[in-house]
Protein backbone atom coordinates (compact mmCIF):
# COMPACT_ATOMS: atom_id res chain seq x y z
CA MET A 1 78.26 89.53 124.83
CA ASN A 2 80.08 89.45 121.49
CA ASP A 3 81.96 92.57 120.52
CA PRO A 4 81.49 93.11 116.74
CA LEU A 5 84.77 95.03 116.56
CA ALA A 6 86.66 92.09 118.05
CA GLU A 7 85.68 89.98 115.05
CA ARG A 8 87.36 92.45 112.71
CA THR A 9 90.54 92.77 114.73
CA PRO A 10 93.49 91.36 112.81
CA ALA A 11 94.85 88.11 114.22
CA ALA A 12 98.19 89.09 112.72
CA GLY A 13 100.04 92.14 113.98
CA ARG A 14 99.76 95.46 112.19
CA GLY A 15 103.31 95.09 110.92
CA ASN A 16 102.54 91.78 109.23
CA HIS A 17 99.38 93.25 107.78
CA ALA A 18 101.29 96.25 106.38
CA ILE A 19 103.94 93.98 104.82
CA PHE A 20 101.20 91.87 103.25
CA VAL A 21 99.51 94.94 101.76
CA LEU A 22 102.85 96.24 100.40
CA VAL A 23 103.73 92.87 98.84
CA THR A 24 100.27 92.67 97.29
CA LEU A 25 100.59 96.16 95.78
CA LEU A 26 104.00 95.30 94.35
CA TYR A 27 102.63 91.98 93.10
CA TRP A 28 99.84 93.60 91.08
CA SER A 29 101.83 96.57 89.83
CA SER A 30 104.71 94.39 88.64
CA MET A 31 102.29 92.37 86.52
CA TYR A 32 100.19 95.12 85.01
CA VAL A 33 102.07 98.43 84.76
CA TYR A 34 103.54 97.55 81.36
CA VAL A 35 100.51 95.76 79.90
CA PRO A 36 99.01 98.80 78.09
CA VAL A 37 102.17 99.17 76.01
CA LEU A 38 103.02 95.48 75.62
CA SER A 39 101.10 94.89 72.41
CA PRO A 40 102.51 97.95 70.59
CA TYR A 41 105.97 97.12 71.96
CA LEU A 42 105.77 93.60 70.53
CA GLU A 43 104.76 95.01 67.14
CA HIS A 44 107.65 97.49 67.38
CA ILE A 45 110.19 94.69 67.83
CA GLY A 46 108.81 92.85 64.83
CA ALA A 47 106.35 90.33 66.24
CA SER A 48 103.59 89.21 63.90
CA TYR A 49 99.99 89.63 65.00
CA SER A 50 99.84 85.91 65.65
CA MET A 51 102.91 86.06 67.87
CA VAL A 52 101.50 89.07 69.73
CA GLY A 53 98.44 86.94 70.45
CA VAL A 54 100.58 84.04 71.64
CA VAL A 55 102.58 86.28 73.98
CA LEU A 56 99.48 87.98 75.39
CA GLY A 57 97.54 84.72 75.67
CA SER A 58 100.35 82.80 77.34
CA TYR A 59 99.67 84.68 80.57
CA GLY A 60 96.08 83.44 80.80
CA LEU A 61 96.87 79.95 79.56
CA THR A 62 99.53 79.57 82.23
CA GLN A 63 96.99 80.53 84.88
CA ILE A 64 94.42 78.08 83.51
CA LEU A 65 96.97 75.30 83.84
CA LEU A 66 98.51 76.24 87.21
CA ARG A 67 96.11 78.20 89.45
CA LEU A 68 94.01 75.25 90.61
CA PRO A 69 96.95 72.87 91.23
CA ILE A 70 98.83 75.60 93.14
CA GLY A 71 95.74 76.33 95.24
CA ILE A 72 95.26 72.64 96.01
CA ALA A 73 98.93 72.21 96.91
CA SER A 74 98.77 75.27 99.15
CA ASP A 75 95.69 73.87 100.91
CA ARG A 76 97.31 70.47 101.40
CA MET A 77 100.46 72.01 102.86
CA LYS A 78 98.38 74.43 104.94
CA ARG A 79 101.06 77.00 104.16
CA ARG A 80 100.68 80.06 101.95
CA LYS A 81 103.95 81.94 102.33
CA PRO A 82 106.07 79.60 100.16
CA TYR A 83 103.62 80.05 97.30
CA ILE A 84 103.53 83.81 97.73
CA VAL A 85 107.33 83.91 97.70
CA LEU A 86 107.31 81.67 94.60
CA GLY A 87 104.88 84.06 92.93
CA VAL A 88 106.94 87.14 93.73
CA LEU A 89 110.14 85.49 92.49
CA THR A 90 108.61 84.28 89.22
CA ILE A 91 107.10 87.71 88.55
CA ALA A 92 110.49 89.31 89.23
CA LEU A 93 112.12 86.84 86.81
CA GLY A 94 109.41 87.60 84.27
CA CYS A 95 110.17 91.31 84.51
CA VAL A 96 113.89 90.59 84.11
CA CYS A 97 113.08 88.70 80.89
CA PHE A 98 111.59 91.88 79.43
CA VAL A 99 114.82 93.71 80.24
CA PHE A 100 117.04 91.28 78.32
CA GLY A 101 116.38 92.69 74.94
CA GLU A 102 114.22 93.35 72.03
CA GLN A 103 113.41 89.75 71.22
CA VAL A 104 109.96 88.21 71.13
CA GLY A 105 111.20 85.03 72.82
CA TRP A 106 112.19 86.94 75.94
CA ALA A 107 108.80 88.67 75.99
CA LEU A 108 107.06 85.30 75.71
CA LEU A 109 109.15 83.82 78.51
CA GLY A 110 108.53 86.91 80.64
CA ARG A 111 104.78 86.74 80.12
CA ILE A 112 104.72 83.02 80.95
CA MET A 113 106.68 83.73 84.14
CA THR A 114 104.24 86.45 85.18
CA GLY A 115 101.42 83.99 84.49
CA VAL A 116 103.06 81.53 86.88
CA GLY A 117 103.28 84.29 89.47
CA ALA A 118 99.66 85.29 88.93
CA SER A 119 98.67 81.67 89.49
CA THR A 120 99.69 82.03 93.13
CA TRP A 121 96.93 84.58 93.80
CA SER A 122 94.74 82.02 95.59
CA ALA A 123 97.42 81.72 98.28
CA TYR A 124 97.25 85.50 98.78
CA THR A 125 93.50 85.49 99.29
CA VAL A 126 93.58 82.61 101.77
CA MET A 127 96.47 84.16 103.69
CA TYR A 128 94.64 87.49 103.85
CA ALA A 129 91.53 85.81 105.28
CA SER A 130 93.67 83.99 107.85
CA MET A 131 94.99 87.32 109.11
CA TYR A 132 91.63 87.89 110.81
CA ARG A 133 89.98 85.99 113.61
CA PRO A 134 87.04 83.77 112.59
C-alpha cells in the first residue's frame, strides 16, 4: 500500500533543503530589496527619464534573452548547481556595481547583472522539484 506521506518526504536531507531555502531567500531579497527606491535614486543622480527606463528595462530584457538558453543548457547538463552558483555570483556582482558610486552606468551594469542572475531561476525550480521523490 502506498504511503501518501512517503511521496512528500524530501529525497535530499533536511540540511540540504534548509540551505536551498536560505539561498533562495537571499537570491530574491538581493534582487528586490532596493527596487522601490531605484527609480527615485536614478533621478537623484541625474538620470533622464529615458535612462531610468533603460536601466529598469534592462533587467527584463536580459531575462528575455537568457532565461530560456540557461534553462536548456541546465537541462542538457542535467546539473542545476553550477547555474545557481552563477546566478548568486552575478547578483552579488550586480549589487557591488550599485555600491561603486553615483553613476548611471554602474546602475545599468548592476541591473543587467541582476537580470543575468534572475535568468537562472529555472534551475532553482527544477532543483527544488528534484529534492523530492517522484
